[in-house]
Amino acid sequence: MGNFARIKSHIEQLEPIVAQLEKDHKASPDDFSIFVELTSLNNQLADLQEQLYRENLKREKEIVELRLIGQSANFGSIPLEYVGGITNNLSASIIVTSKYKMFGGKGGKKRDTIVKDTIDLRLEGIGRGSTIFYLSGRTSPDLFGNSTIQDTLKNTFELFQSKPDELIDRIGSVGAGSIKYISRFLNVLSRDDLDIDLKWHSPDNQEYVWEGRRDNITSLYNSLNQMNISQPTDMDFEGELITISSKGRFEVFTNENCSLFGQFSSDLLEKMKEFHIGDYCKGIITKTSIYNPLTDKEKIEYNLKTIE
């Protein structure tokens, strides 16, 4: 899928240029040369997003391979109760992270249904010896070509692979709600004395691999369970929009001379397209504090809830 990587790279190169031109156009609305260049690049960007959408439609599914290793799996089969605990908790973490990507901290049964229908997680197949399992999720690109399940898997693998000083940032990427299911997933592996290999081939030909062995399973489990994660709280804001990204990142410089940098969910992407850098805005941001006592590091996660 070299074409996918090329398209994605071009989009990432164009977006900051378009953002700067929008800022220049707002400062000099009568400058026709800026208007012409901005229009041309916006058309190029829309065309690339359409190409990305078509590439992801062709891909259809994301496949994750789970290979269980250990005494319980030595004879080509494994007790069903072990499998249920492993696959159920991993799939639950994927669903919760996907919901976080799509809707931020917003809940409700209707949103739960939308998430499940969008990613459509399934047991795709069982490999030789009944100790290899394949989970699938629908690629389901949005109108900008982005795939929730791809983002979720990428961030989940990065969390599994993270070093102790990186963990606090990885939690913010998957969402705090997913951590309890990842913790349970690790606990089942440890309790049943099982190792695991996880693999996923991304559309840009990158192979994501996590080799879960007794030491790093235990280490990650203990680290996650020592994290102090606060309950999300809402805060009002007013100020100037400094950054917008199709990757779901934003920055606002508030009237209190405070810079708030965070992320917004994909359900706000269409709304965010109405804004330009430098616009005055107001709304509600959800604040979550994550503290790692092992590194004495704290991070504040900001998630955009509403904006106008």
C-alpha atoms as a PDB file:
ATOM      1  CA  MET A   1       0.000   0.000   0.000  1.00  0.00           C
ATOM      2  CA  GLY A   2       2.701   2.463  -0.987  1.00  0.00           C
ATOM      3  CA  ASN A   3       0.006   4.665  -2.484  1.00  0.00           C
ATOM      4  CA  PHE A   4      -1.603   5.017   0.955  1.00  0.00           C
ATOM      5  CA  ALA A   5       1.623   6.251   2.566  1.00  0.00           C
ATOM      6  CA  ARG A   6       2.196   8.714  -0.291  1.00  0.00           C
ATOM      7  CA  ILE A   7      -1.306  10.194   0.007  1.00  0.00           C
ATOM      8  CA  LYS A   8      -1.075  10.447   3.785  1.00  0.00           C
ATOM      9  CA  SER A   9       2.322  12.150   3.555  1.00  0.00           C
ATOM     10  CA  HIS A  10       1.025  14.735   1.075  1.00  0.00           C
ATOM     11  CA  ILE A  11      -1.943  15.504   3.315  1.00  0.00           C
ATOM     12  CA  GLU A  12       0.329  16.013   6.321  1.00  0.00           C
ATOM     13  CA  GLN A  13       2.557  18.342   4.297  1.00  0.00           C
ATOM     14  CA  LEU A  14      -0.345  20.416   2.958  1.00  0.00           C
ATOM     15  CA  GLU A  15      -2.317  20.911   6.171  1.00  0.00           C
ATOM     16  CA  PRO A  16       0.090  23.317   7.957  1.00  0.00           C
ATOM     17  CA  ILE A  17       0.541  25.312   4.725  1.00  0.00           C
ATOM     18  CA  VAL A  18      -3.225  25.667   4.342  1.00  0.00           C
ATOM     19  CA  ALA A  19      -3.561  26.639   8.017  1.00  0.00           C
ATOM     20  CA  GLN A  20      -0.955  29.401   7.620  1.00  0.00           C
ATOM     21  CA  LEU A  21      -2.597  30.684   4.428  1.00  0.00           C
ATOM     22  CA  GLU A  22      -5.954  30.833   6.199  1.00  0.00           C
ATOM     23  CA  LYS A  23      -4.346  32.931   8.890  1.00  0.00           C
ATOM     24  CA  ASP A  24      -2.759  35.208   6.250  1.00  0.00           C
ATOM     25  CA  HIS A  25      -6.060  35.505   4.401  1.00  0.00           C
ATOM     26  CA  LYS A  26      -7.850  36.559   7.572  1.00  0.00           C
ATOM     27  CA  ALA A  27      -5.204  39.234   8.182  1.00  0.00           C
ATOM     28  CA  SER A  28      -5.311  40.413   4.528  1.00  0.00           C
ATOM     29  CA  PRO A  29      -8.760  39.504   3.131  1.00  0.00           C
ATOM     30  CA  ASP A  30      -8.272  41.700   0.014  1.00  0.00           C
ATOM     31  CA  ASP A  31      -5.032  40.022  -1.054  1.00  0.00           C
ATOM     32  CA  PHE A  32      -6.184  38.143  -4.159  1.00  0.00           C
ATOM     33  CA  SER A  33      -2.950  36.140  -4.534  1.00  0.00           C
ATOM     34  CA  ILE A  34      -3.411  34.601  -1.074  1.00  0.00           C
ATOM     35  CA  PHE A  35      -7.030  33.786  -1.902  1.00  0.00           C
ATOM     36  CA  VAL A  36      -6.081  32.063  -5.172  1.00  0.00           C
ATOM     37  CA  GLU A  37      -3.311  29.990  -3.555  1.00  0.00           C
ATOM     38  CA  LEU A  38      -5.534  29.041  -0.618  1.00  0.00           C
ATOM     39  CA  THR A  39      -8.340  27.946  -2.936  1.00  0.00           C
ATOM     40  CA  SER A  40      -5.953  25.856  -5.020  1.00  0.00           C
ATOM     41  CA  LEU A  41      -4.420  24.091  -2.013  1.00  0.00           C
ATOM     42  CA  ASN A  42      -7.816  23.472  -0.416  1.00  0.00           C
ATOM     43  CA  ASN A  43      -8.897  21.780  -3.638  1.00  0.00           C
ATOM     44  CA  GLN A  44      -5.718  19.665  -3.625  1.00  0.00           C
ATOM     45  CA  LEU A  45      -6.313  18.725   0.001  1.00  0.00           C
ATOM     46  CA  ALA A  46      -9.921  17.704  -0.676  1.00  0.00           C
ATOM     47  CA  ASP A  47      -8.774  15.569  -3.613  1.00  0.00           C
ATOM     48  CA  LEU A  48      -6.135  13.825  -1.486  1.00  0.00           C
ATOM     49  CA  GLN A  49      -8.684  13.143   1.262  1.00  0.00           C
ATOM     50  CA  GLU A  50     -10.980  11.587  -1.339  1.00  0.00           C
ATOM     51  CA  GLN A  51      -8.096   9.388  -2.540  1.00  0.00           C
ATOM     52  CA  LEU A  52      -7.357   8.329   1.062  1.00  0.00           C
ATOM     53  CA  TYR A  53     -11.035   7.496   1.541  1.00  0.00           C
ATOM     54  CA  ARG A  54     -11.047   5.260  -1.555  1.00  0.00           C
ATOM     55  CA  GLU A  55      -7.824   3.498  -0.483  1.00  0.00           C
ATOM     56  CA  ASN A  56      -9.306   2.680   2.919  1.00  0.00           C
ATOM     57  CA  LEU A  57     -12.550   1.489   1.347  1.00  0.00           C
ATOM     58  CA  LYS A  58     -10.536  -1.042  -0.661  1.00  0.00           C
ATOM     59  CA  ARG A  59      -8.773  -2.232   2.496  1.00  0.00           C
ATOM     60  CA  GLU A  60     -12.110  -3.109   4.181  1.00  0.00           C
ATOM     61  CA  LYS A  61     -10.737  -4.704   7.369  1.00  0.00           C
ATOM     62  CA  GLU A  62      -7.989  -4.393   9.937  1.00  0.00           C
ATOM     63  CA  ILE A  63      -6.742  -7.776  11.166  1.00  0.00           C
ATOM     64  CA  VAL A  64      -4.981  -8.305  14.499  1.00  0.00           C
ATOM     65  CA  GLU A  65      -3.214 -11.603  15.153  1.00  0.00           C
ATOM     66  CA  LEU A  66      -3.053 -12.953  18.721  1.00  0.00           C
ATOM     67  CA  ARG A  67      -0.672 -15.856  19.263  1.00  0.00           C
ATOM     68  CA  LEU A  68      -0.833 -17.389  22.742  1.00  0.00           C
ATOM     69  CA  ILE A  69       2.329 -19.016  24.124  1.00  0.00           C
ATOM     70  CA  GLY A  70       2.781 -21.050  27.285  1.00  0.00           C
ATOM     71  CA  GLN A  71       2.255 -24.394  28.979  1.00  0.00           C
ATOM     72  CA  SER A  72      -1.530 -24.131  28.610  1.00  0.00           C
ATOM     73  CA  ALA A  73      -1.055 -23.739  24.854  1.00  0.00           C
ATOM     74  CA  ASN A  74       1.668 -26.351  24.344  1.00  0.00           C
ATOM     75  CA  PHE A  75      -0.571 -29.118  22.998  1.00  0.00           C
ATOM     76  CA  GLY A  76      -2.347 -27.233  20.257  1.00  0.00           C
ATOM     77  CA  SER A  77      -5.388 -26.217  22.273  1.00  0.00           C
ATOM     78  CA  ILE A  78      -6.228 -23.916  25.147  1.00  0.00           C
ATOM     79  CA  PRO A  79      -9.009 -23.787  27.770  1.00  0.00           C
ATOM     80  CA  LEU A  80     -11.936 -21.735  26.481  1.00  0.00           C
ATOM     81  CA  GLU A  81     -12.174 -19.657  29.670  1.00  0.00           C
ATOM     82  CA  TYR A  82      -8.632 -18.352  29.053  1.00  0.00           C
ATOM     83  CA  VAL A  83      -9.509 -17.292  25.525  1.00  0.00           C
ATOM     84  CA  GLY A  84     -12.655 -15.471  26.634  1.00  0.00           C
ATOM     85  CA  GLY A  85     -10.865 -13.412  29.246  1.00  0.00           C
ATOM     86  CA  ILE A  86      -8.118 -12.414  26.808  1.00  0.00           C
ATOM     87  CA  THR A  87     -10.184 -11.600  23.722  1.00  0.00           C
ATOM     88  CA  ASN A  88     -13.086 -10.008  25.608  1.00  0.00           C
ATOM     89  CA  ASN A  89     -10.890  -7.549  27.486  1.00  0.00           C
ATOM     90  CA  LEU A  90      -8.766  -6.683  24.463  1.00  0.00           C
ATOM     91  CA  SER A  91     -11.854  -6.080  22.328  1.00  0.00           C
ATOM     92  CA  ALA A  92     -13.463  -4.022  25.109  1.00  0.00           C
ATOM     93  CA  SER A  93     -10.379  -1.783  25.270  1.00  0.00           C
ATOM     94  CA  ILE A  94     -10.495  -1.321  21.481  1.00  0.00           C
ATOM     95  CA  ILE A  95     -14.186  -0.364  21.632  1.00  0.00           C
ATOM     96  CA  VAL A  96     -13.669   2.114  24.493  1.00  0.00           C
ATOM     97  CA  THR A  97     -10.681   3.745  22.789  1.00  0.00           C
ATOM     98  CA  SER A  98     -12.616   3.949  19.523  1.00  0.00           C
ATOM     99  CA  LYS A  99     -15.482   5.647  21.349  1.00  0.00           C
ATOM    100  CA  TYR A 100     -13.001   8.084  22.858  1.00  0.00           C
ATOM    101  CA  LYS A 101     -11.681   8.814  19.363  1.00  0.00           C
ATOM    102  CA  MET A 102     -15.148   9.319  17.937  1.00  0.00           C
ATOM    103  CA  PHE A 103     -16.956  11.092  20.777  1.00  0.00           C
ATOM    104  CA  GLY A 104     -14.430  12.135  23.414  1.00  0.00           C
ATOM    105  CA  GLY A 105     -15.968  11.890  26.866  1.00  0.00           C
ATOM    106  CA  LYS A 106     -19.554  12.000  25.604  1.00  0.00           C
ATOM    107  CA  GLY A 107     -21.594   8.914  26.502  1.00  0.00           C
ATOM    108  CA  GLY A 108     -24.978   7.381  25.772  1.00  0.00           C
ATOM    109  CA  LYS A 109     -26.354   4.136  24.344  1.00  0.00           C
ATOM    110  CA  LYS A 110     -26.825   5.636  20.881  1.00  0.00           C
ATOM    111  CA  ARG A 111     -23.124   6.514  20.680  1.00  0.00           C
ATOM    112  CA  ASP A 112     -22.193   3.040  21.953  1.00  0.00           C
ATOM    113  CA  THR A 113     -24.205   1.504  19.123  1.00  0.00           C
ATOM    114  CA  ILE A 114     -22.621   3.792  16.525  1.00  0.00           C
ATOM    115  CA  VAL A 115     -19.112   2.807  17.685  1.00  0.00           C
ATOM    116  CA  LYS A 116     -19.861  -0.927  17.648  1.00  0.00           C
ATOM    117  CA  ASP A 117     -21.472  -0.719  14.211  1.00  0.00           C
ATOM    118  CA  THR A 118     -18.597   1.375  12.843  1.00  0.00           C
ATOM    119  CA  ILE A 119     -15.722  -0.885  13.875  1.00  0.00           C
ATOM    120  CA  ASP A 120     -17.711  -4.173  13.932  1.00  0.00           C
ATOM    121  CA  LEU A 121     -15.184  -6.216  15.925  1.00  0.00           C
ATOM    122  CA  ARG A 122     -15.262  -9.936  15.153  1.00  0.00           C
ATOM    123  CA  LEU A 123     -13.356 -13.157  15.744  1.00  0.00           C
ATOM    124  CA  GLU A 124     -12.201 -13.505  12.155  1.00  0.00           C
ATOM    125  CA  GLY A 125     -10.617 -16.928  12.442  1.00  0.00           C
ATOM    126  CA  ILE A 126      -8.592 -19.438  14.440  1.00  0.00           C
ATOM    127  CA  GLY A 127      -5.114 -20.412  13.331  1.00  0.00           C
ATOM    128  CA  ARG A 128      -3.316 -23.740  13.356  1.00  0.00           C
ATOM    129  CA  GLY A 129      -3.334 -25.467  16.721  1.00  0.00           C
ATOM    130  CA  SER A 130      -6.141 -23.303  18.120  1.00  0.00           C
ATOM    131  CA  THR A 131      -3.669 -20.986  19.854  1.00  0.00           C
ATOM    132  CA  ILE A 132      -3.644 -18.291  17.159  1.00  0.00           C
ATOM    133  CA  PHE A 133      -6.672 -16.017  16.892  1.00  0.00           C
ATOM    134  CA  TYR A 134      -7.509 -13.330  14.370  1.00  0.00           C
ATOM    135  CA  LEU A 135      -9.642 -10.350  15.395  1.00  0.00           C
ATOM    136  CA  SER A 136     -11.018  -8.070  12.708  1.00  0.00           C
ATOM    137  CA  GLY A 137     -12.485  -4.575  12.700  1.00  0.00           C
ATOM    138  CA  ARG A 138     -13.965  -2.636   9.819  1.00  0.00           C
ATOM    139  CA  THR A 139     -11.714   0.081   8.405  1.00  0.00           C
ATOM    140  CA  SER A 140     -14.788   2.351   7.953  1.00  0.00           C
ATOM    141  CA  PRO A 141     -13.108   5.567   6.724  1.00  0.00           C
ATOM    142  CA  ASP A 142     -14.877   8.867   7.358  1.00  0.00           C
ATOM    143  CA  LEU A 143     -15.378  11.490   4.639  1.00  0.00           C
ATOM    144  CA  PHE A 144     -11.811  12.748   5.189  1.00  0.00           C
ATOM    145  CA  GLY A 145     -10.355   9.259   4.707  1.00  0.00           C
ATOM    146  CA  ASN A 146      -9.509   8.711   8.383  1.00  0.00           C
ATOM    147  CA  SER A 147     -10.195   5.378  10.084  1.00  0.00           C
ATOM    148  CA  THR A 148     -11.096   5.148  13.773  1.00  0.00           C
ATOM    149  CA  ILE A 149      -9.961   1.530  14.110  1.00  0.00           C
ATOM    150  CA  GLN A 150      -6.582   2.309  12.517  1.00  0.00           C
ATOM    151  CA  ASP A 151      -5.963   5.160  14.962  1.00  0.00           C
ATOM    152  CA  THR A 152      -7.116   2.976  17.853  1.00  0.00           C
ATOM    153  CA  LEU A 153      -4.827   0.061  16.969  1.00  0.00           C
ATOM    154  CA  LYS A 154      -1.837   2.333  16.390  1.00  0.00           C
ATOM    155  CA  ASN A 155      -2.267   4.003  19.792  1.00  0.00           C
ATOM    156  CA  THR A 156      -2.935   0.691  21.549  1.00  0.00           C
ATOM    157  CA  PHE A 157       0.239  -0.907  20.176  1.00  0.00           C
ATOM    158  CA  GLU A 158       2.226   2.192  21.130  1.00  0.00           C
ATOM    159  CA  LEU A 159       0.930   1.891  24.702  1.00  0.00           C
ATOM    160  CA  PHE A 160       1.978  -1.779  24.896  1.00  0.00           C
ATOM    161  CA  GLN A 161       5.442  -0.865  23.554  1.00  0.00           C
ATOM    162  CA  SER A 162       5.920   2.231  25.721  1.00  0.00           C
ATOM    163  CA  LYS A 163       8.765   2.787  28.164  1.00  0.00           C
ATOM    164  CA  PRO A 164       7.926   3.852  31.746  1.00  0.00           C
ATOM    165  CA  ASP A 165       8.502   7.554  31.028  1.00  0.00           C
ATOM    166  CA  GLU A 166       6.300   7.371  27.883  1.00  0.00           C
ATOM    167  CA  LEU A 167       3.350   5.652  29.516  1.00  0.00           C
ATOM    168  CA  ILE A 168       1.646   8.782  30.780  1.00  0.00           C
ATOM    169  CA  ASP A 169       1.432  10.165  27.239  1.00  0.00           C
ATOM    170  CA  ARG A 170       0.191   6.865  25.810  1.00  0.00           C
ATOM    171  CA  ILE A 171      -2.691   6.753  28.287  1.00  0.00           C
ATOM    172  CA  GLY A 172      -3.868  10.102  26.963  1.00  0.00           C
ATOM    173  CA  SER A 173      -3.837   8.658  23.429  1.00  0.00           C
ATOM    174  CA  VAL A 174      -6.066   5.658  24.176  1.00  0.00           C
ATOM    175  CA  GLY A 175      -8.264   7.402  26.749  1.00  0.00           C
ATOM    176  CA  ALA A 176      -8.338   6.744  30.475  1.00  0.00           C
ATOM    177  CA  GLY A 177     -11.488   4.598  30.205  1.00  0.00           C
ATOM    178  CA  SER A 178      -9.642   1.943  28.213  1.00  0.00           C
ATOM    179  CA  ILE A 179      -6.998   1.334  30.862  1.00  0.00           C
ATOM    180  CA  LYS A 180      -9.100  -0.898  33.115  1.00  0.00           C
ATOM    181  CA  TYR A 181      -9.718  -3.324  30.219  1.00  0.00           C
ATOM    182  CA  ILE A 182      -6.070  -3.337  29.173  1.00  0.00           C
ATOM    183  CA  SER A 183      -5.175  -3.998  32.814  1.00  0.00           C
ATOM    184  CA  ARG A 184      -7.614  -6.922  32.954  1.00  0.00           C
ATOM    185  CA  PHE A 185      -6.208  -8.262  29.667  1.00  0.00           C
ATOM    186  CA  LEU A 186      -2.697  -8.229  31.126  1.00  0.00           C
ATOM    187  CA  ASN A 187      -3.910  -9.749  34.381  1.00  0.00           C
ATOM    188  CA  VAL A 188      -5.537 -12.713  32.595  1.00  0.00           C
ATOM    189  CA  LEU A 189      -2.303 -13.399  30.702  1.00  0.00           C
ATOM    190  CA  SER A 190      -0.272 -13.258  33.928  1.00  0.00           C
ATOM    191  CA  ARG A 191      -2.752 -15.295  35.950  1.00  0.00           C
ATOM    192  CA  ASP A 192      -2.927 -18.063  33.339  1.00  0.00           C
ATOM    193  CA  ASP A 193       0.851 -18.028  32.824  1.00  0.00           C
ATOM    194  CA  LEU A 194       0.563 -17.130  29.138  1.00  0.00           C
ATOM    195  CA  ASP A 195       2.763 -15.053  26.856  1.00  0.00           C
ATOM    196  CA  ILE A 196       1.362 -13.420  23.750  1.00  0.00           C
ATOM    197  CA  ASP A 197       2.434 -12.063  20.368  1.00  0.00           C
ATOM    198  CA  LEU A 198       0.217  -9.330  18.919  1.00  0.00           C
ATOM    199  CA  LYS A 199       0.614  -8.252  15.279  1.00  0.00           C
ATOM    200  CA  TRP A 200      -1.093  -5.772  12.982  1.00  0.00           C
ATOM    201  CA  HIS A 201      -0.066  -4.678   9.485  1.00  0.00           C
ATOM    202  CA  SER A 202      -1.020  -1.030   9.000  1.00  0.00           C
ATOM    203  CA  PRO A 203      -2.067   0.302   5.574  1.00  0.00           C
ATOM    204  CA  ASP A 204       1.284   2.073   5.121  1.00  0.00           C
ATOM    205  CA  ASN A 205       3.064  -1.309   5.312  1.00  0.00           C
ATOM    206  CA  GLN A 206       4.259  -0.886   8.880  1.00  0.00           C
ATOM    207  CA  GLU A 207       4.106  -3.999  11.030  1.00  0.00           C
ATOM    208  CA  TYR A 208       3.124  -3.301  14.627  1.00  0.00           C
ATOM    209  CA  VAL A 209       4.294  -6.069  16.960  1.00  0.00           C
ATOM    210  CA  TRP A 210       4.096  -6.518  20.702  1.00  0.00           C
ATOM    211  CA  GLU A 211       5.847  -9.501  22.253  1.00  0.00           C
ATOM    212  CA  GLY A 212       4.182  -9.853  25.625  1.00  0.00           C
ATOM    213  CA  ARG A 213       6.375 -11.907  27.921  1.00  0.00           C
ATOM    214  CA  ARG A 214       6.083 -12.521  31.650  1.00  0.00           C
ATOM    215  CA  ASP A 215       8.427  -9.661  32.618  1.00  0.00           C
ATOM    216  CA  ASN A 216       6.992  -6.904  30.452  1.00  0.00           C
ATOM    217  CA  ILE A 217       3.386  -8.056  31.017  1.00  0.00           C
ATOM    218  CA  THR A 218       3.883  -7.808  34.784  1.00  0.00           C
ATOM    219  CA  SER A 219       5.775  -4.526  34.519  1.00  0.00           C
ATOM    220  CA  LEU A 220       3.112  -2.872  32.365  1.00  0.00           C
ATOM    221  CA  TYR A 221       0.298  -4.215  34.551  1.00  0.00           C
ATOM    222  CA  ASN A 222       1.907  -2.862  37.723  1.00  0.00           C
ATOM    223  CA  SER A 223       2.657   0.499  36.112  1.00  0.00           C
ATOM    224  CA  LEU A 224      -0.900   0.968  34.862  1.00  0.00           C
ATOM    225  CA  ASN A 225      -2.375   0.056  38.230  1.00  0.00           C
ATOM    226  CA  GLN A 226      -0.236   2.624  40.036  1.00  0.00           C
ATOM    227  CA  MET A 227      -1.392   5.472  37.802  1.00  0.00           C
ATOM    228  CA  ASN A 228      -3.600   8.095  39.426  1.00  0.00           C
ATOM    229  CA  ILE A 229      -6.210   9.227  36.893  1.00  0.00           C
ATOM    230  CA  SER A 230      -8.667  11.911  37.963  1.00  0.00           C
ATOM    231  CA  GLN A 231     -12.326  12.045  37.045  1.00  0.00           C
ATOM    232  CA  PRO A 232     -12.837  14.320  34.006  1.00  0.00           C
ATOM    233  CA  THR A 233     -14.073  17.811  34.858  1.00  0.00           C
ATOM    234  CA  ASP A 234     -15.605  20.398  32.510  1.00  0.00           C
ATOM    235  CA  MET A 235     -14.225  23.922  32.224  1.00  0.00           C
ATOM    236  CA  ASP A 236     -15.472  26.869  30.167  1.00  0.00           C
ATOM    237  CA  PHE A 237     -13.061  28.761  27.933  1.00  0.00           C
ATOM    238  CA  GLU A 238     -12.934  31.799  25.669  1.00  0.00           C
ATOM    239  CA  GLY A 239     -10.023  32.848  23.525  1.00  0.00           C
ATOM    240  CA  GLU A 240      -8.139  32.679  20.227  1.00  0.00           C
ATOM    241  CA  LEU A 241      -7.808  29.465  18.235  1.00  0.00           C
ATOM    242  CA  ILE A 242      -4.083  28.910  17.619  1.00  0.00           C
ATOM    243  CA  THR A 243      -3.976  25.424  16.058  1.00  0.00           C
ATOM    244  CA  ILE A 244      -6.380  23.042  14.284  1.00  0.00           C
ATOM    245  CA  SER A 245      -5.349  19.677  12.878  1.00  0.00           C
ATOM    246  CA  SER A 246      -7.278  16.967  11.034  1.00  0.00           C
ATOM    247  CA  LYS A 247      -5.494  14.560  13.408  1.00  0.00           C
ATOM    248  CA  GLY A 248      -7.749  15.928  16.118  1.00  0.00           C
ATOM    249  CA  ARG A 249      -5.358  18.356  17.827  1.00  0.00           C
ATOM    250  CA  PHE A 250      -6.122  21.937  18.810  1.00  0.00           C
ATOM    251  CA  GLU A 251      -4.655  24.811  20.793  1.00  0.00           C
ATOM    252  CA  VAL A 252      -6.469  27.777  22.302  1.00  0.00           C
ATOM    253  CA  PHE A 253      -4.961  30.864  23.908  1.00  0.00           C
ATOM    254  CA  THR A 254      -7.566  31.887  26.481  1.00  0.00           C
ATOM    255  CA  ASN A 255      -8.582  35.303  27.747  1.00  0.00           C
ATOM    256  CA  GLU A 256      -6.768  34.390  30.973  1.00  0.00           C
ATOM    257  CA  ASN A 257      -3.465  34.267  29.004  1.00  0.00           C
ATOM    258  CA  CYS A 258      -3.333  30.472  29.278  1.00  0.00           C
ATOM    259  CA  SER A 259      -2.482  28.133  26.414  1.00  0.00           C
ATOM    260  CA  LEU A 260      -4.610  24.967  26.314  1.00  0.00           C
ATOM    261  CA  PHE A 261      -3.353  22.228  23.974  1.00  0.00           C
ATOM    262  CA  GLY A 262      -5.386  19.072  23.532  1.00  0.00           C
ATOM    263  CA  GLN A 263      -7.481  16.924  21.258  1.00  0.00           C
ATOM    264  CA  PHE A 264     -10.978  16.818  19.848  1.00  0.00           C
ATOM    265  CA  SER A 265     -13.038  13.797  18.819  1.00  0.00           C
ATOM    266  CA  SER A 266     -13.960  13.003  15.222  1.00  0.00           C
ATOM    267  CA  ASP A 267     -17.604  13.983  15.721  1.00  0.00           C
ATOM    268  CA  LEU A 268     -16.342  17.599  16.007  1.00  0.00           C
ATOM    269  CA  LEU A 269     -14.195  17.469  12.864  1.00  0.00           C
ATOM    270  CA  GLU A 270     -16.899  18.887  10.598  1.00  0.00           C
ATOM    271  CA  LYS A 271     -17.581  21.663  13.115  1.00  0.00           C
ATOM    272  CA  MET A 272     -13.871  22.471  13.396  1.00  0.00           C
ATOM    273  CA  LYS A 273     -13.714  22.943   9.610  1.00  0.00           C
ATOM    274  CA  GLU A 274     -15.816  26.097  10.125  1.00  0.00           C
ATOM    275  CA  PHE A 275     -13.001  27.684  12.138  1.00  0.00           C
ATOM    276  CA  HIS A 276      -9.719  29.207  11.048  1.00  0.00           C
ATOM    277  CA  ILE A 277      -6.529  29.940  12.938  1.00  0.00           C
ATOM    278  CA  GLY A 278      -6.880  33.234  14.766  1.00  0.00           C
ATOM    279  CA  ASP A 279     -10.669  32.974  15.196  1.00  0.00           C
ATOM    280  CA  TYR A 280     -12.212  33.930  18.513  1.00  0.00           C
ATOM    281  CA  CYS A 281     -14.066  31.001  20.054  1.00  0.00           C
ATOM    282  CA  LYS A 282     -15.622  29.761  23.260  1.00  0.00           C
ATOM    283  CA  GLY A 283     -16.880  26.449  24.561  1.00  0.00           C
ATOM    284  CA  ILE A 284     -16.256  23.658  27.043  1.00  0.00           C
ATOM    285  CA  ILE A 285     -13.093  21.611  27.520  1.00  0.00           C
ATOM    286  CA  THR A 286     -12.850  18.439  29.600  1.00  0.00           C
ATOM    287  CA  LYS A 287      -9.785  18.278  31.852  1.00  0.00           C
ATOM    288  CA  THR A 288      -8.227  15.009  33.082  1.00  0.00           C
ATOM    289  CA  SER A 289      -5.123  14.710  35.243  1.00  0.00           C
ATOM    290  CA  ILE A 290      -2.826  11.671  34.945  1.00  0.00           C
ATOM    291  CA  TYR A 291      -0.073  11.179  37.536  1.00  0.00           C
ATOM    292  CA  ASN A 292       2.639   8.518  37.403  1.00  0.00           C
ATOM    293  CA  PRO A 293       4.178   8.030  40.888  1.00  0.00           C
ATOM    294  CA  LEU A 294       7.007   5.909  39.455  1.00  0.00           C
ATOM    295  CA  THR A 295       8.359   8.861  37.453  1.00  0.00           C
ATOM    296  CA  ASP A 296       6.755  11.638  39.550  1.00  0.00           C
ATOM    297  CA  LYS A 297       5.346  13.000  36.306  1.00  0.00           C
ATOM    298  CA  GLU A 298       1.915  14.565  35.849  1.00  0.00           C
ATOM    299  CA  LYS A 299       0.129  15.363  32.616  1.00  0.00           C
ATOM    300  CA  ILE A 300      -3.084  17.280  32.068  1.00  0.00           C
ATOM    301  CA  GLU A 301      -5.200  16.052  29.157  1.00  0.00           C
ATOM    302  CA  TYR A 302      -7.605  18.520  27.544  1.00  0.00           C
ATOM    303  CA  ASN A 303     -10.434  17.229  25.366  1.00  0.00           C
ATOM    304  CA  LEU A 304     -12.664  19.630  23.464  1.00  0.00           C
ATOM    305  CA  LYS A 305     -16.327  19.028  24.268  1.00  0.00           C
ATOM    306  CA  THR A 306     -18.099  21.962  22.566  1.00  0.00           C
ATOM    307  CA  ILE A 307     -16.996  25.000  20.569  1.00  0.00           C
ATOM    308  CA  GLU A 308     -18.705  27.986  18.983  1.00  0.00           C
END
